[in-house]
Every structure is written in structure tokens, then in C-alpha cells.
Amino acid sequence: MKSLPLNNRTARPVPLTRMGFGGAPLGNLYRAVPETDAQAALKTAFDAGIRYFDTAPQYGLGLSEVRFATGIKKFGRENIQLSTKIGRLLLDCAPEDATPGAFVDVPQKRIQFDYSYDGVMRSYEASKARLKVENADILLVHDVCVFSQGSQQASDARVRELFDDGGYKALSELRDAGEIAAIGAGVNEWQVCERLLGLGDFDGFLLAGRYTLLEQDALETFLPLCEKRDVGIILGGPYNSGILATGAVKGAKYNYEDAPEPVLQRVRDIERVCAAHDTPLIAAALQFVLGHPSVKTVVPGAVSASEVEANVALLDVPIPDGLWSDLRSAGLIRPDALLPSQQENN
């Protein structure tokens, strides 16, 4: 599977395969995933040529990282690129104090946000222990966005903490020492990424759901800035948490909630164009995001071998150029959106 570097500025480039493997579902997100299914998903991803694997302490309160450790031991740490995240410490606690969030059947832990120097170092060391590795390739600041923190005020406070209390210094020291190759943030909003770029030297961002076939506001200022600064994007949530995979069906999810009617209608319009070109909506959604040169890899979710195989197969679905031009003519994608066909011709 083709690889692209996250950027070309670091002394140790991080090559990312066109598709990555995201570890949130293996933390038992919304439902318990049998261990056999989790390991089969990891193995299938590796066998399919996927070499970039992303996880985080939050995912199953450490469960995802523990499951990654089993997979990494089988296919070899030297054969993959690995990212995890900082910002949440997992603390032992009484049952009533546990904070599993949307994860089920997980270790009994309490999450404590901490973006300080000590918090970064403690989080990274704990992740390495769970993953049973000596280092990660990419270390990402997790969830300093409004979506995750609940308000702009709370988001601003976390960003200040990162810089005022030494968290960014810790990340920079780890990168300068060669312990990790790249630093960035994993968030649900491009606006906070743009702010971080104004405050520090970041190599890339894992952006979930904010540049998709359904929404491209990141083209206003953020993605042009990434091109100018040679900052790579790891694109998570290419289906906007579900609706671009399922279509505008009853109960379709957008941003982890039931999709509102304006979103449902826009997706219906996109679906009509896809149907006219005999193209599955899900394939168009997955391939669209790879049209932008700053997007180095796309990371859809999977909890089984069959889901991994289905995701990989979507990359090879032929999509006629006419579909993209019809979507553009209908005002369903922005006129400045760069398209997969343009990338292939460069």
C-alpha cells in the first residue's frame, strides 16, 4: 500500500500508508468486541498492507493499547508506524468513580485531564508500558477542542495549560531527543489545530470528521495553512461518524448523534449523484478526502477482519471523474476542493 510522509521537515520522516488503522473501536466503543475479533482485525489490517496504527489511553481506558500490544508483538514494532496520545491520565479508583464514557467492559479507571509537562511524560510512559514498546513514532495532544471540552472557555484553558505548564515543552524535548519522530494533536475541530499552529511547531494533526464529502469548511484557512507549513493531516471520521457510510437512513448518525434534517437532505442529494454514476456513497466518501495533498492517510474504524477488508476494498472502487464534476456543479462540494483524480494526475 502506497505510503506518504507525514511531512518532509523532520529528521526522521514518518511514512503513512494511504489507509491507517484506528484503535478506538478496539477499546469496546459502544459495544464489547471479542478479543479474537480484535486481534483478527489487527492482523487483517497488517496483511492488507496497512502500516500506520493509531490508539490512545482513552480508548477503552487502556484496553485498546493493551490489544495493540498483542498485535504488535506478532507483526513486529519495526514494521509499523505507531501513534498514541497524551492529555488523559488513567488513575485507579473505586467503581463508582470510574469514567468509561462510551466504552463498555473496560478496566476500572478514572480519567484525569493533564496537559502539563509531568502529565505528558507520565501519560507517555504509561502508554509505552501498555503497548509494550520502547517508543511511539507520533505523539498527539488529545481532545483540546471545544467538542471534547464542552466550551470555548474550557478549550482555551487546556491550550493554555499545554503551553504554560510545560506540556508542549515535554513534547518538543521528546522529539528533539529522537524518542518520537513527530508531534501533533488529535481533535474533532480544525479551528483548534489552526490555533496550535500559531503557537508551536507541529508536524501534523489527526482531524476527525471535519474534512469530508459532507463538509469542507477547513478549506477556508486551515488546509491552505497546512500546505504552506508542510503539515500533514491524518483524516479520521471520513463518514462523519456514520451517515456517509449508511446514507440518509432513519437513525443515521452525524457527529455521534442522530443527524438533523438539513444534514439528511444534503446526504440524500449526494446519494442521488452517486447513484447516477453507479458509485457507492461510502466509496466516494472515503476516496474524496484523499484528494487533498495535505491528507496523508485516512483512518476509518473497524472492529473485525471483514470490516477491515471492506474498508481496504473501497480504496479500489473505480469512481468516474464525472461524479466529482456533477457534485461540484450541484454545489455539493466546494469549487476549491481538490479531487482524487487531480492527485492521480500530479
Protein backbone atom coordinates (compact mmCIF):
# COMPACT_ATOMS: atom_id res chain seq x y z
CA MET A 1 0.00 0.00 0.00
CA LYS A 2 1.39 3.39 -1.04
CA SER A 3 2.97 5.50 1.74
CA LEU A 4 3.42 9.24 2.13
CA PRO A 5 5.47 11.03 4.80
CA LEU A 6 3.53 13.00 7.41
CA ASN A 7 5.75 15.89 6.35
CA ASN A 8 9.23 16.43 4.97
CA ARG A 9 10.59 18.65 7.73
CA THR A 10 11.54 16.15 10.40
CA ALA A 11 14.91 14.45 10.67
CA ARG A 12 13.11 11.11 10.84
CA PRO A 13 10.17 11.12 8.40
CA VAL A 14 7.09 9.12 9.33
CA PRO A 15 5.73 7.26 6.28
CA LEU A 16 1.98 6.74 6.49
CA THR A 17 0.17 4.21 4.34
CA ARG A 18 -2.78 5.53 2.37
CA MET A 19 -5.08 3.89 4.92
CA GLY A 20 -4.41 3.60 8.65
CA PHE A 21 -5.98 1.58 11.45
CA GLY A 22 -7.77 3.48 14.22
CA GLY A 23 -7.84 1.90 17.66
CA ALA A 24 -10.95 3.48 19.23
CA PRO A 25 -13.34 0.63 18.30
CA LEU A 26 -10.98 -1.93 19.86
CA GLY A 27 -11.46 -0.14 23.18
CA ASN A 28 -15.03 -1.50 23.17
CA LEU A 29 -16.57 1.69 21.85
CA TYR A 30 -20.35 1.37 22.33
CA ARG A 31 -20.16 -2.45 22.48
CA ALA A 32 -17.83 -5.19 23.62
CA VAL A 33 -15.52 -6.57 20.93
CA PRO A 34 -14.33 -10.15 21.50
CA GLU A 35 -10.56 -10.46 21.82
CA THR A 36 -10.44 -12.85 18.86
CA ASP A 37 -12.21 -10.30 16.65
CA ALA A 38 -9.89 -7.51 17.80
CA GLN A 39 -6.76 -9.49 17.00
CA ALA A 40 -8.20 -10.67 13.68
CA ALA A 41 -8.88 -7.04 12.72
CA LEU A 42 -5.30 -6.03 13.54
CA LYS A 43 -3.82 -8.97 11.64
CA THR A 44 -6.03 -8.40 8.62
CA ALA A 45 -5.01 -4.74 8.53
CA PHE A 46 -1.34 -5.65 8.59
CA ASP A 47 -1.77 -8.40 5.99
CA ALA A 48 -3.57 -5.90 3.73
CA GLY A 49 -0.54 -3.61 3.76
CA ILE A 50 -1.69 -1.12 6.40
CA ARG A 51 1.33 0.04 8.37
CA TYR A 52 0.02 3.01 10.35
CA PHE A 53 -1.74 2.22 13.64
CA ASP A 54 -3.24 4.83 15.98
CA THR A 55 -4.54 4.45 19.53
CA ALA A 56 -4.92 6.41 22.79
CA PRO A 57 -5.22 5.88 26.55
CA GLN A 58 -8.85 6.99 26.42
CA TYR A 59 -9.86 4.17 24.08
CA GLY A 60 -11.29 1.63 26.50
CA LEU A 61 -9.32 3.16 29.40
CA GLY A 62 -6.16 1.45 28.16
CA LEU A 63 -7.82 -1.61 26.61
CA SER A 64 -7.07 -0.55 23.02
CA GLU A 65 -3.38 -0.07 23.79
CA VAL A 66 -3.21 -3.47 25.50
CA ARG A 67 -4.80 -5.10 22.48
CA PHE A 68 -2.38 -3.29 20.18
CA ALA A 69 0.48 -4.74 22.21
CA THR A 70 -0.61 -8.27 21.31
CA GLY A 71 -0.83 -7.42 17.64
CA ILE A 72 2.45 -5.52 17.55
CA LYS A 73 4.28 -8.46 19.10
CA LYS A 74 3.10 -10.65 16.22
CA PHE A 75 3.87 -8.38 13.28
CA GLY A 76 6.87 -6.53 14.72
CA ARG A 77 7.23 -2.99 16.04
CA GLU A 78 9.86 -2.22 13.40
CA ASN A 79 7.34 -2.92 10.66
CA ILE A 80 4.77 -0.27 11.58
CA GLN A 81 4.30 3.40 12.36
CA LEU A 82 2.58 3.95 15.71
CA SER A 83 0.82 6.90 17.29
CA THR A 84 -0.77 7.37 20.68
CA LYS A 85 -1.93 10.38 22.63
CA ILE A 86 -1.46 12.44 25.77
CA GLY A 87 -3.82 14.56 27.86
CA ARG A 88 -5.62 11.90 29.87
CA LEU A 89 -4.09 10.06 32.81
CA LEU A 90 -5.72 6.77 33.83
CA LEU A 91 -5.94 6.53 37.62
CA ASP A 92 -7.00 3.66 39.86
CA CYS A 93 -10.31 4.37 41.54
CA ALA A 94 -13.38 2.98 43.28
CA PRO A 95 -16.06 1.51 40.99
CA GLU A 96 -18.37 4.49 41.45
CA ASP A 97 -15.63 6.91 40.35
CA ALA A 98 -14.75 5.16 37.06
CA THR A 99 -15.20 7.20 33.86
CA PRO A 100 -15.67 4.77 30.96
CA GLY A 101 -17.66 7.21 28.84
CA ALA A 102 -18.87 5.49 25.66
CA PHE A 103 -16.66 2.43 26.25
CA VAL A 104 -18.06 -0.76 27.80
CA ASP A 105 -16.49 -3.65 29.73
CA VAL A 106 -13.26 -1.74 30.33
CA PRO A 107 -10.71 -1.52 33.16
CA GLN A 108 -11.81 0.28 36.31
CA LYS A 109 -10.07 3.64 35.86
CA ARG A 110 -10.75 7.31 36.38
CA ILE A 111 -9.70 9.80 33.70
CA GLN A 112 -7.83 12.91 34.78
CA PHE A 113 -7.07 15.53 32.15
CA ASP A 114 -3.47 16.72 32.40
CA TYR A 115 -1.59 18.64 29.69
CA SER A 116 1.34 19.67 31.91
CA TYR A 117 4.98 18.62 31.48
CA ASP A 118 4.61 15.92 34.12
CA GLY A 119 1.26 14.85 32.70
CA VAL A 120 2.70 14.36 29.22
CA MET A 121 5.64 12.34 30.49
CA ARG A 122 3.52 10.18 32.79
CA SER A 123 0.95 9.53 30.08
CA TYR A 124 3.60 8.59 27.51
CA GLU A 125 5.40 6.23 29.89
CA ALA A 126 2.11 4.54 30.82
CA SER A 127 1.19 4.15 27.15
CA LYS A 128 4.55 2.58 26.34
CA ALA A 129 4.05 0.12 29.19
CA ARG A 130 0.58 -0.89 27.95
CA LEU A 131 1.78 -1.10 24.35
CA LYS A 132 4.96 -2.93 25.39
CA VAL A 133 7.10 -0.77 23.09
CA GLU A 134 10.14 1.42 23.60
CA ASN A 135 8.71 4.39 21.75
CA ALA A 136 5.93 5.75 19.56
CA ASP A 137 6.52 7.46 16.23
CA ILE A 138 3.88 10.17 16.68
CA LEU A 139 2.59 11.64 19.94
CA LEU A 140 -0.66 13.60 19.73
CA VAL A 141 -2.27 16.07 22.13
CA HIS A 142 -5.73 14.61 22.65
CA ASP A 143 -9.03 16.50 22.65
CA VAL A 144 -8.25 20.11 23.44
CA CYS A 145 -11.14 21.09 21.15
CA VAL A 146 -14.50 22.64 22.09
CA PHE A 147 -16.32 19.45 21.08
CA SER A 148 -14.45 17.42 23.69
CA GLN A 149 -14.01 20.04 26.42
CA GLY A 150 -17.56 21.36 26.31
CA SER A 151 -16.98 25.07 25.71
CA GLN A 152 -14.63 27.52 24.07
CA GLN A 153 -13.53 28.70 27.50
CA ALA A 154 -12.60 25.16 28.56
CA SER A 155 -10.78 24.52 25.29
CA ASP A 156 -8.80 27.75 25.67
CA ALA A 157 -7.86 26.73 29.21
CA ARG A 158 -6.49 23.38 28.03
CA VAL A 159 -4.44 25.03 25.29
CA ARG A 160 -3.01 27.48 27.83
CA GLU A 161 -2.20 24.57 30.13
CA LEU A 162 -0.36 22.80 27.32
CA PHE A 163 1.91 25.79 26.75
CA ASP A 164 2.06 27.45 30.18
CA ASP A 165 2.53 24.25 32.22
CA GLY A 166 5.14 22.63 30.04
CA GLY A 167 3.22 20.04 28.03
CA TYR A 168 4.41 21.43 24.72
CA LYS A 169 7.95 21.62 26.11
CA ALA A 170 7.76 17.93 27.01
CA LEU A 171 6.61 17.01 23.50
CA SER A 172 9.38 19.10 21.94
CA GLU A 173 12.02 17.52 24.18
CA LEU A 174 10.86 14.03 23.25
CA ARG A 175 11.02 14.93 19.57
CA ASP A 176 14.38 16.68 19.82
CA ALA A 177 15.83 13.65 21.61
CA GLY A 178 14.62 11.33 18.86
CA GLU A 179 12.33 9.47 21.25
CA ILE A 180 9.45 10.28 18.90
CA ALA A 181 9.57 11.48 15.30
CA ALA A 182 6.61 13.84 15.21
CA ILE A 183 4.14 15.72 17.41
CA GLY A 184 0.64 16.95 16.76
CA ALA A 185 -2.91 16.86 18.07
CA GLY A 186 -5.87 14.53 17.71
CA VAL A 187 -9.07 16.58 17.79
CA ASN A 188 -12.56 16.97 16.34
CA GLU A 189 -12.23 20.56 15.10
CA TRP A 190 -9.85 22.22 12.68
CA GLN A 191 -10.08 25.61 14.41
CA VAL A 192 -8.04 24.49 17.42
CA CYS A 193 -5.45 22.96 15.06
CA GLU A 194 -5.09 26.32 13.38
CA ARG A 195 -4.63 27.95 16.78
CA LEU A 196 -1.99 25.41 17.79
CA LEU A 197 -0.08 26.12 14.57
CA GLY A 198 0.08 29.76 15.64
CA LEU A 199 1.61 28.79 18.98
CA GLY A 200 4.05 25.98 18.23
CA ASP A 201 5.85 23.80 15.72
CA PHE A 202 3.60 20.82 14.99
CA ASP A 203 4.19 18.15 12.38
CA GLY A 204 0.65 17.00 11.77
CA PHE A 205 -2.87 16.60 13.09
CA LEU A 206 -5.35 13.77 13.39
CA LEU A 207 -8.52 15.57 12.39
CA ALA A 208 -11.75 13.64 12.95
CA GLY A 209 -14.74 14.35 10.73
CA ARG A 210 -14.05 17.94 9.77
CA TYR A 211 -12.97 17.48 6.17
CA THR A 212 -15.37 15.13 4.43
CA LEU A 213 -17.63 14.77 1.42
CA LEU A 214 -20.25 16.44 3.59
CA GLU A 215 -18.28 19.43 4.93
CA GLN A 216 -15.22 21.28 3.70
CA ASP A 217 -15.04 24.49 5.76
CA ALA A 218 -11.44 23.56 6.63
CA LEU A 219 -10.57 24.78 3.12
CA GLU A 220 -11.21 28.37 4.21
CA THR A 221 -7.93 28.89 6.06
CA PHE A 222 -6.72 25.73 7.79
CA LEU A 223 -5.83 23.37 4.95
CA PRO A 224 -4.10 26.13 2.94
CA LEU A 225 -2.03 26.85 6.06
CA CYS A 226 -1.14 23.15 6.32
CA GLU A 227 0.06 23.17 2.72
CA LYS A 228 2.15 26.28 3.35
CA ARG A 229 3.68 24.89 6.57
CA ASP A 230 4.10 21.30 5.27
CA VAL A 231 1.84 19.91 7.97
CA GLY A 232 0.24 16.54 7.30
CA ILE A 233 -3.33 15.53 8.09
CA ILE A 234 -4.34 12.11 9.38
CA LEU A 235 -8.02 12.07 8.44
CA GLY A 236 -10.25 10.29 10.92
CA GLY A 237 -14.03 10.02 10.74
CA PRO A 238 -14.35 10.15 6.93
CA TYR A 239 -18.02 9.14 7.27
CA ASN A 240 -18.93 11.92 9.75
CA SER A 241 -19.50 9.22 12.41
CA GLY A 242 -21.76 7.16 10.17
CA ILE A 243 -24.07 8.96 7.79
CA LEU A 244 -21.69 8.87 4.82
CA ALA A 245 -21.45 5.10 5.25
CA THR A 246 -25.11 4.31 5.85
CA GLY A 247 -26.68 7.05 3.78
CA ALA A 248 -29.63 9.14 4.95
CA VAL A 249 -31.46 6.25 6.61
CA LYS A 250 -33.60 6.51 9.73
CA GLY A 251 -31.34 6.89 12.74
CA ALA A 252 -28.28 7.83 10.67
CA LYS A 253 -25.56 9.33 12.85
CA TYR A 254 -23.77 12.64 12.34
CA ASN A 255 -21.29 13.85 14.95
CA TYR A 256 -22.24 10.88 17.14
CA GLU A 257 -25.90 11.93 17.30
CA ASP A 258 -29.00 11.45 15.14
CA ALA A 259 -28.49 13.51 12.00
CA PRO A 260 -30.65 16.66 11.74
CA GLU A 261 -32.89 17.12 8.72
CA PRO A 262 -30.63 19.60 6.84
CA VAL A 263 -27.76 17.09 7.01
CA LEU A 264 -30.04 14.23 5.96
CA GLN A 265 -31.24 16.23 2.96
CA ARG A 266 -27.72 17.13 1.85
CA VAL A 267 -26.69 13.49 2.07
CA ARG A 268 -29.75 12.49 0.02
CA ASP A 269 -28.62 14.95 -2.65
CA ILE A 270 -25.10 13.47 -2.62
CA GLU A 271 -26.54 9.96 -2.78
CA ARG A 272 -28.56 10.83 -5.90
CA VAL A 273 -25.42 11.95 -7.72
CA CYS A 274 -23.54 8.83 -6.62
CA ALA A 275 -26.41 6.62 -7.79
CA ALA A 276 -26.42 8.32 -11.18
CA HIS A 277 -22.79 7.25 -11.56
CA ASP A 278 -23.37 3.78 -10.10
CA THR A 279 -20.95 4.57 -7.27
CA PRO A 280 -21.44 3.62 -3.60
CA LEU A 281 -21.69 6.66 -1.35
CA ILE A 282 -19.26 5.12 1.13
CA ALA A 283 -16.57 4.66 -1.54
CA ALA A 284 -16.93 8.24 -2.74
CA ALA A 285 -16.71 9.50 0.86
CA LEU A 286 -13.57 7.52 1.61
CA GLN A 287 -11.73 8.44 -1.58
CA PHE A 288 -12.76 12.11 -1.60
CA VAL A 289 -10.71 13.04 1.45
CA LEU A 290 -7.53 11.66 -0.13
CA GLY A 291 -7.81 14.23 -2.90
CA HIS A 292 -6.29 16.97 -0.76
CA PRO A 293 -2.47 16.88 -0.77
CA SER A 294 -2.25 17.58 2.96
CA VAL A 295 -4.27 14.45 3.76
CA LYS A 296 -1.64 11.72 4.05
CA THR A 297 -3.82 8.87 5.30
CA VAL A 298 -7.44 8.09 6.09
CA VAL A 299 -8.35 6.15 9.23
CA PRO A 300 -11.81 4.56 9.17
CA GLY A 301 -12.97 2.47 12.08
CA ALA A 302 -13.14 -1.34 12.12
CA VAL A 303 -13.85 -4.00 14.74
CA SER A 304 -13.44 -7.16 12.67
CA ALA A 305 -11.44 -8.69 9.84
CA SER A 306 -14.40 -8.33 7.48
CA GLU A 307 -14.74 -4.61 8.22
CA VAL A 308 -11.04 -4.06 7.56
CA GLU A 309 -11.30 -5.96 4.27
CA ALA A 310 -14.34 -3.90 3.28
CA ASN A 311 -12.55 -0.62 4.03
CA VAL A 312 -9.47 -1.62 2.05
CA ALA A 313 -11.62 -2.70 -0.92
CA LEU A 314 -13.27 0.75 -1.00
CA LEU A 315 -9.95 2.32 -1.96
CA ASP A 316 -10.03 0.38 -5.22
CA VAL A 317 -13.61 1.13 -6.24
CA PRO A 318 -13.42 2.98 -9.59
CA ILE A 319 -15.01 6.41 -9.38
CA PRO A 320 -15.69 8.31 -12.63
CA ASP A 321 -14.45 11.88 -12.85
CA GLY A 322 -17.97 12.86 -13.82
CA LEU A 323 -19.20 12.13 -10.32
CA TRP A 324 -16.91 14.74 -8.84
CA SER A 325 -17.77 17.32 -11.50
CA ASP A 326 -21.51 16.72 -11.01
CA LEU A 327 -21.18 17.09 -7.25
CA ARG A 328 -19.32 20.35 -7.81
CA SER A 329 -21.87 21.62 -10.33
CA ALA A 330 -24.66 20.87 -7.87
CA GLY A 331 -22.91 22.85 -5.15
CA LEU A 332 -22.43 19.73 -3.05
CA ILE A 333 -18.65 20.06 -2.84
CA ARG A 334 -16.74 23.31 -2.80
CA PRO A 335 -15.25 24.63 -6.04
CA ASP A 336 -11.81 24.80 -4.38
CA ALA A 337 -11.89 21.19 -3.14
CA LEU A 338 -9.03 19.20 -4.65
CA LEU A 339 -10.20 15.88 -6.04
CA PRO A 340 -8.70 12.37 -6.12
CA SER A 341 -8.44 12.48 -9.92
CA GLN A 342 -6.37 15.66 -9.68
CA GLN A 343 -4.00 13.96 -7.23
CA GLU A 344 -3.57 10.97 -9.53
CA ASN A 345 -2.64 13.25 -12.38
CA ASN A 346 0.04 15.12 -10.39
